[in-house]
Protein backbone atom coordinates (compact mmCIF):
# COMPACT_ATOMS: atom_id res chain seq x y z
CA MET A 1 -7.86 76.02 -44.33
CA GLN A 2 -8.94 73.88 -41.36
CA GLN A 3 -11.19 71.53 -43.39
CA PRO A 4 -8.32 69.47 -44.98
CA GLU A 5 -6.77 68.99 -41.49
CA LYS A 6 -10.05 67.50 -40.21
CA LYS A 7 -10.25 65.23 -43.27
CA GLN A 8 -6.64 64.15 -42.81
CA SER A 9 -7.25 63.49 -39.08
CA PHE A 10 -10.25 61.30 -39.97
CA PHE A 11 -8.17 59.17 -42.34
CA VAL A 12 -5.40 58.79 -39.74
CA ARG A 13 -7.88 57.54 -37.11
CA LYS A 14 -9.48 55.18 -39.62
CA ASN A 15 -6.14 53.74 -40.69
CA SER A 16 -5.06 53.33 -37.05
CA PHE A 17 -8.26 51.44 -36.25
CA LEU A 18 -7.78 49.10 -39.22
CA ALA A 19 -4.19 48.48 -38.18
CA VAL A 20 -5.31 47.48 -34.66
CA VAL A 21 -7.97 45.14 -36.07
CA PHE A 22 -5.40 43.54 -38.40
CA ILE A 23 -2.85 43.01 -35.60
CA PHE A 24 -5.50 41.54 -33.28
CA SER A 25 -6.72 39.17 -36.01
CA PHE A 26 -3.15 38.10 -36.74
CA PHE A 27 -2.61 37.45 -33.02
CA LEU A 28 -5.75 35.30 -32.82
CA CYS A 29 -4.71 33.25 -35.85
CA PHE A 30 -1.31 32.33 -34.48
CA HIS A 31 -1.95 32.33 -30.72
CA SER A 32 -5.54 31.20 -30.40
CA ASP A 33 -4.45 28.48 -27.97
CA ILE A 34 -4.53 31.10 -25.21
CA PHE A 35 -8.28 31.32 -25.60
CA ALA A 36 -9.49 28.13 -27.25
CA GLN A 37 -8.47 25.26 -29.44
CA SER A 38 -10.34 22.85 -31.67
CA LEU A 39 -10.09 19.18 -30.67
CA ASP A 40 -12.33 16.68 -32.44
CA GLY A 41 -14.37 19.59 -33.75
CA LYS A 42 -14.93 21.10 -30.29
CA ASN A 43 -13.97 24.65 -29.32
CA LEU A 44 -12.21 24.33 -26.00
CA SER A 45 -10.53 26.50 -23.42
CA PHE A 46 -7.70 25.38 -21.19
CA PRO A 47 -7.36 23.49 -18.95
CA PHE A 48 -9.41 20.39 -19.82
CA LEU A 49 -9.28 16.64 -19.27
CA ALA A 50 -8.16 14.53 -22.25
CA GLU A 51 -7.91 10.82 -22.90
CA THR A 52 -5.36 8.86 -24.92
CA THR A 53 -6.67 7.15 -28.05
CA THR A 54 -3.95 4.49 -28.40
CA ASP A 55 -1.37 2.53 -26.41
CA LYS A 56 2.26 3.44 -25.72
CA VAL A 57 1.91 7.20 -26.13
CA ASN A 58 5.20 8.90 -25.26
CA VAL A 59 5.27 11.90 -22.95
CA ARG A 60 8.23 14.15 -23.75
CA SER A 61 9.95 17.06 -22.05
CA GLY A 62 9.32 19.34 -25.05
CA GLN A 63 7.10 19.76 -28.09
CA SER A 64 8.99 17.50 -30.51
CA THR A 65 10.36 13.98 -30.71
CA SER A 66 13.89 15.28 -30.16
CA PHE A 67 13.15 15.93 -26.48
CA GLU A 68 13.63 13.33 -23.73
CA LYS A 69 10.91 10.79 -23.07
CA VAL A 70 9.70 11.20 -19.47
CA GLY A 71 6.80 8.76 -19.49
CA ARG A 72 4.40 6.62 -21.47
CA LEU A 73 0.60 6.59 -21.45
CA GLN A 74 -1.69 3.65 -22.16
CA LYS A 75 -4.94 3.77 -24.10
CA GLY A 76 -7.74 5.37 -22.08
CA GLU A 77 -5.38 7.05 -19.60
CA GLN A 78 -6.52 10.55 -18.67
CA VAL A 79 -4.36 13.69 -18.43
CA VAL A 80 -4.91 17.39 -17.79
CA VAL A 81 -4.13 19.56 -20.84
CA VAL A 82 -3.01 23.14 -20.10
CA GLN A 83 -1.60 24.47 -23.40
CA LYS A 84 -0.95 23.78 -27.10
CA GLU A 85 2.02 24.61 -29.31
CA PHE A 86 2.99 23.36 -32.77
CA GLY A 87 0.56 20.41 -32.73
CA TRP A 88 1.63 19.31 -29.25
CA PHE A 89 -0.38 19.48 -26.02
CA ARG A 90 1.28 20.44 -22.76
CA ILE A 91 -0.01 18.18 -19.96
CA LYS A 92 0.47 17.81 -16.23
CA LEU A 93 2.86 14.92 -15.74
CA PRO A 94 1.12 11.68 -14.69
CA LYS A 95 2.31 9.82 -11.58
CA SER A 96 4.13 7.27 -13.73
CA ALA A 97 6.37 9.90 -15.32
CA VAL A 98 10.03 10.52 -14.46
CA SER A 99 11.00 13.58 -12.40
CA TYR A 100 14.27 14.52 -10.72
CA VAL A 101 15.49 17.30 -8.43
CA SER A 102 18.89 18.00 -7.01
CA ALA A 103 19.20 16.41 -3.56
CA ASP A 104 20.99 19.59 -2.40
CA TYR A 105 17.72 21.55 -2.47
CA ILE A 106 15.40 19.20 -0.55
CA GLN A 107 15.40 17.90 2.99
CA ILE A 108 13.61 14.79 4.26
CA ILE A 109 10.98 15.65 6.88
CA ARG A 110 9.54 12.24 7.75
CA GLY A 111 9.38 8.97 5.89
CA ASP A 112 9.64 9.60 2.14
CA VAL A 113 8.33 13.19 2.27
CA ALA A 114 10.84 16.01 1.75
CA GLU A 115 10.60 19.80 1.81
CA VAL A 116 12.11 22.12 -0.82
CA THR A 117 14.80 24.33 0.72
CA GLY A 118 15.69 26.40 -2.35
CA SER A 119 13.71 29.38 -3.64
CA ARG A 120 13.24 28.23 -7.27
CA VAL A 121 14.21 24.59 -7.70
CA ASN A 122 14.07 23.09 -11.18
CA ILE A 123 12.41 19.74 -11.81
CA ARG A 124 14.26 17.90 -14.57
CA ALA A 125 13.61 15.03 -16.96
CA GLY A 126 16.69 13.16 -15.70
CA ASN A 127 19.35 13.07 -13.00
CA GLY A 128 21.57 15.87 -14.21
CA ILE A 129 21.61 19.54 -15.25
CA ASN A 130 21.90 18.53 -18.91
CA PHE A 131 18.31 17.24 -18.85
CA SER A 132 15.36 19.45 -19.76
CA VAL A 133 13.45 21.39 -17.10
CA VAL A 134 9.87 20.09 -16.79
CA GLY A 135 8.77 22.22 -13.84
CA GLN A 136 9.78 24.35 -10.90
CA MET A 137 9.10 24.37 -7.17
CA LYS A 138 9.34 27.06 -4.55
CA LYS A 139 10.71 26.97 -1.04
CA GLY A 140 8.48 25.06 1.38
CA ASP A 141 6.86 22.82 -1.26
CA LYS A 142 6.58 19.14 -0.31
CA VAL A 143 7.64 16.24 -2.54
CA ARG A 144 7.58 12.46 -2.23
CA VAL A 145 11.07 11.01 -2.75
CA LEU A 146 11.23 7.63 -4.50
CA SER A 147 15.02 7.18 -4.51
CA THR A 148 18.27 9.15 -4.31
CA GLU A 149 21.47 8.42 -6.19
CA GLU A 150 24.57 10.44 -7.10
CA GLY A 151 23.19 13.70 -5.69
CA TRP A 152 19.82 13.53 -7.50
CA SER A 153 16.46 12.48 -6.07
CA LYS A 154 13.81 10.79 -8.16
CA ILE A 155 10.46 12.18 -7.06
CA GLU A 156 6.81 11.50 -7.65
CA PRO A 157 5.69 14.10 -10.24
CA VAL A 158 4.17 17.14 -8.58
CA ASP A 159 1.25 19.19 -9.87
CA GLN A 160 3.53 21.93 -11.25
CA SER A 161 5.53 19.63 -13.57
CA TYR A 162 4.65 19.24 -17.24
CA GLY A 163 5.31 17.18 -20.34
CA TRP A 164 4.21 17.22 -23.96
CA VAL A 165 2.08 14.80 -26.02
CA ALA A 166 1.38 14.94 -29.75
CA GLU A 167 -2.14 16.29 -30.36
CA LYS A 168 -3.16 13.34 -32.54
CA PHE A 169 -2.97 10.93 -29.60
CA LEU A 170 -5.45 12.79 -27.36
CA THR A 171 -9.19 13.32 -27.42
CA PHE A 172 -11.38 15.56 -25.30
CA LYS A 173 -12.86 13.94 -22.19
CA SER A 174 -14.26 16.61 -19.88
CA LYS A 175 -13.99 20.16 -18.61
CA GLU A 176 -13.99 18.75 -15.08
CA ILE A 177 -10.35 18.31 -14.07
CA PRO A 178 -9.00 16.55 -10.96
CA THR A 179 -8.01 18.54 -7.89
CA PRO A 180 -4.32 19.48 -7.72
CA ARG A 181 -1.95 16.86 -6.30
CA ILE A 182 -0.65 18.11 -2.95
CA VAL A 183 1.97 16.23 -0.94
CA LYS A 184 1.50 16.55 2.80
CA ALA A 185 3.99 15.60 5.49
CA PRO A 186 2.87 12.65 7.64
CA PRO A 187 1.84 13.56 11.20
CA PRO A 188 4.62 13.51 13.79
CA PRO A 189 4.81 10.49 16.10
CA PRO A 190 3.00 10.88 19.45
CA PRO A 191 5.21 12.22 22.25
CA LYS A 192 6.73 9.69 24.61
CA PRO A 193 5.10 9.62 28.05
CA ALA A 194 7.07 11.15 30.90
CA PRO A 195 9.02 8.57 32.94
CA ILE A 196 7.34 7.43 36.18
CA ARG A 197 9.49 7.88 39.28
CA ASN A 198 7.01 7.19 42.11
CA ILE A 199 8.14 3.85 43.61
CA TYR A 200 4.62 2.92 44.77
CA VAL A 201 3.20 3.48 41.32
CA LEU A 202 6.06 1.47 39.82
CA LYS A 203 5.40 -1.36 42.29
CA ARG A 204 1.68 -1.47 41.41
CA MET A 205 2.56 -1.46 37.70
CA ALA A 206 4.99 -4.35 38.20
CA GLU A 207 2.36 -6.33 40.14
CA GLN A 208 -0.23 -5.65 37.46
CA LYS A 209 2.18 -6.76 34.76
CA ALA A 210 3.02 -9.95 36.67
CA MET A 211 -0.69 -10.69 37.13
CA GLU A 212 -1.41 -10.17 33.45
CA GLU A 213 1.52 -12.42 32.52
CA ALA A 214 0.24 -15.15 34.88
CA GLN A 215 -3.24 -14.89 33.37
CA ARG A 216 -1.78 -15.10 29.87
CA LYS A 217 0.16 -18.24 30.76
CA ALA A 218 -2.89 -19.78 32.41
CA VAL A 219 -4.95 -19.21 29.26
CA GLU A 220 -2.21 -20.73 27.11
CA GLU A 221 -1.97 -23.77 29.38
CA ALA A 222 -5.74 -24.18 29.31
CA LYS A 223 -5.70 -24.11 25.52
CA LYS A 224 -2.89 -26.66 25.40
CA GLU A 225 -4.75 -28.93 27.83
CA ALA A 226 -7.96 -28.64 25.83
CA GLU A 227 -6.06 -29.52 22.65
CA ARG A 228 -4.41 -32.46 24.36
CA ARG A 229 -7.68 -33.77 25.74
CA LYS A 230 -9.30 -33.69 22.29
CA ASN A 231 -7.13 -36.64 21.28
CA LEU A 232 -7.65 -38.64 24.49
CA VAL A 233 -10.13 -41.33 25.56
CA PHE A 234 -11.41 -41.46 29.14
CA ALA A 235 -12.72 -44.75 30.44
CA LYS A 236 -13.95 -46.05 33.79
CA GLY A 237 -14.13 -49.76 34.45
CA VAL A 238 -12.47 -52.88 35.88
CA VAL A 239 -8.93 -53.87 34.90
CA LYS A 240 -8.52 -57.51 33.89
CA SER A 241 -5.59 -59.61 32.68
CA LEU A 242 -5.59 -61.01 29.14
CA GLY A 243 -3.61 -64.04 30.31
CA ASP A 244 -2.66 -66.29 27.38
CA ARG A 245 -4.51 -63.90 24.99
CA SER A 246 -1.93 -61.13 25.39
CA ILE A 247 -1.35 -59.24 22.16
CA SER A 248 2.25 -58.21 22.90
CA GLN A 249 4.66 -57.76 25.76
CA ASN A 250 3.12 -54.34 26.58
CA ILE A 251 -0.52 -55.21 25.82
CA ARG A 252 -1.49 -57.70 28.56
CA HIS A 253 -4.57 -56.05 30.12
CA LYS A 254 -7.97 -54.72 29.28
CA ILE A 255 -10.52 -52.46 30.96
CA VAL A 256 -14.14 -53.51 30.85
CA VAL A 257 -16.37 -50.43 30.83
CA ASP A 258 -19.66 -52.24 30.41
CA GLU A 259 -21.03 -55.28 28.64
CA LYS A 260 -20.50 -53.71 25.21
CA THR A 261 -17.36 -51.60 25.68
CA SER A 262 -13.86 -52.74 26.43
CA TYR A 263 -10.37 -51.44 25.64
CA PHE A 264 -7.03 -53.25 25.49
CA LEU A 265 -4.43 -51.42 27.57
CA LYS A 266 -0.89 -50.74 26.42
CA GLY A 267 1.55 -49.78 29.14
CA TYR A 268 4.04 -50.99 31.71
CA ARG A 269 2.96 -54.42 32.96
CA GLN A 270 4.21 -53.88 36.50
CA MET A 271 2.23 -50.63 36.84
CA ILE A 272 -1.08 -51.97 35.49
CA ASP A 273 -0.75 -55.29 37.43
CA GLY A 274 -1.23 -53.28 40.60
CA PHE A 275 -4.81 -52.39 39.54
CA LEU A 276 -5.99 -55.92 38.53
CA GLN A 277 -9.64 -56.57 39.39
CA SER A 278 -9.98 -52.97 40.60
CA THR A 279 -12.24 -50.17 39.31
CA VAL A 280 -10.13 -47.39 37.79
CA LYS A 281 -10.30 -44.28 35.64
CA ILE A 282 -8.00 -44.39 32.66
CA GLU A 283 -6.82 -41.72 30.29
CA GLY A 284 -5.17 -42.81 27.07
CA LYS A 285 -4.61 -42.36 23.34
CA VAL A 286 -6.10 -44.73 20.80
CA GLN A 287 -3.40 -46.60 18.87
CA LYS A 288 -4.88 -46.57 15.40
CA ASP A 289 -1.97 -48.49 13.90
CA ILE A 290 -2.76 -51.62 15.99
CA THR A 291 -5.55 -53.87 14.76
CA ALA A 292 -7.27 -55.88 17.50
CA GLN A 293 -10.66 -57.07 18.71
CA HIS A 294 -11.03 -53.91 20.84
CA PRO A 295 -9.43 -50.45 20.50
CA VAL A 296 -5.97 -50.27 22.09
CA LEU A 297 -5.32 -47.41 24.53
CA LEU A 298 -1.83 -46.18 25.33
CA VAL A 299 -2.28 -45.50 29.03
CA THR A 300 -1.15 -42.01 30.04
CA LYS A 301 -2.94 -41.83 33.41
CA ILE A 302 -4.63 -44.37 35.69
CA HIS A 303 -6.45 -43.65 38.96
CA LEU A 304 -8.00 -46.04 41.47
CA VAL A 305 -11.71 -45.45 42.12
CA LEU A 306 -12.46 -46.01 45.80
């Protein structure tokens, strides 16, 4: 009487085993993307690095062309693929993609870096709740804010935001994927030094500042003088009158430096007349627009040599 029960138990276990195998096989057929996918004939596991095969590849908020466009990839651009559904690859959004969060759930820390203040804040494909959710952030996460308008902040896509690209536009690149993008707050500004109240210290600081200012002015004056002197001619010789050979009303003298070098002098007649037949040092600018037998100097300084 017990033999048929054992035989029946054997068939039950056998049928149960076959049922499990069938269900598991069915699961693999329709959900094999959890383990591996075939791309260009390669068996792959997620995540992996892919590359676009053509220009102007749209990145969408969902796995069909009816979803919003959140970005566009150019040929050769690389993206991280994390999943596949219905002939579409789910990718981490590139930096050029569009991402928005409600400005009510972030707070600027410093510069353009903000911190998430809500517990589960949705990242959307546009500036409104009617746009698709492309990611989610938790309290304390940092984001880089690009602009804020009408209660919504456009942010630089974070590592936990995703879009979808049609499988036919991607090809396998590598199993080596980039490190996650992490936004860090800039360091705080250095603390201001405590105010100095000691009058003697303040006096020494004022004196030091005055000395440094005087030195700065002296250097500037020296530079100006050096620049001025670059365009000057310095001559030492005897002043003589041109007499009837005067070139103009203000060019009536010359200085003879040596047998080969002489300059005509342009300046006030009464001033230069006082140095006639005397040895002097002259400083002047060459007047290149006047053509004469000798260079013409516009006298800026004249000193008697004793």
